[in-house]
Amino acid sequence: GRYPEIHAASLIRDLARVHDLPEEAMVVGNGSTALIYRLPSLLSAKTALVLHPTFGEYERAFGPTGCRIDVVLREEAHGFALPWQRLFEALRRGYDAVVLCNPNNPTGDVVPPAELTEFVEEAARLGTTVVVDEAFMDFQEEASLKQETLRRGNLVVLRSMTKCFALAGLRLGFLVAPPPLVKRLRETE
């Protein structure tokens, strides 16, 4: 007869302790995918940039909201290497949001934090929010940008608990973002 806590306060408290983050910077969701679907309205995104190939849910989440989605392709001929120059050029055309997967699904490569932080800084200068899906980051925690969310008002990090904790049937994930953004997200739950 016990219902779970509405905002998962106990789980957030434990996750905050494990990840060394403040509770007010975290939201728990029914898997990181459910949180992905909440981002377009939270960010009021009319335009989004997605790096391909990648997880297919980003476009399925942003597209139905009327958001224009542009794509930058990793090329097979170049070993699917991250095309930084083309990505920066695209960013400078102006977007509300950029969605990146790190480590990328399906290529598995990890963008070093310093390189990704440089991109997030340029995005901030342009007024763009960067969403980094770190669903597989448990395997390379040192590359995570979750701590950067506390220093940058334009960074959102998604994490999944299904991989490392073998909870696929439970659908459990969390989002780390600047506290004002988290507050707005919690108010719409």
Foldseek 3Di string as FASTA:
>chain_A
DDDQDPQNQVVLVVVCVVLVHDSLQKGKDLALLVVLLVPCVLLVWQEEEEEPDADPSNCVNNVVVNRHYHYDYQDVVVVSPDPVVVVLVVLVVDTQEYEEEAVGPPSRDGDAQVVVVVVLVSNVVRNHAYEYEDQPCVVPVVRDCLVVQQVHQRYKYKYGPCPPVVPVVRRMIMMGHHSVSSVVVSVVD
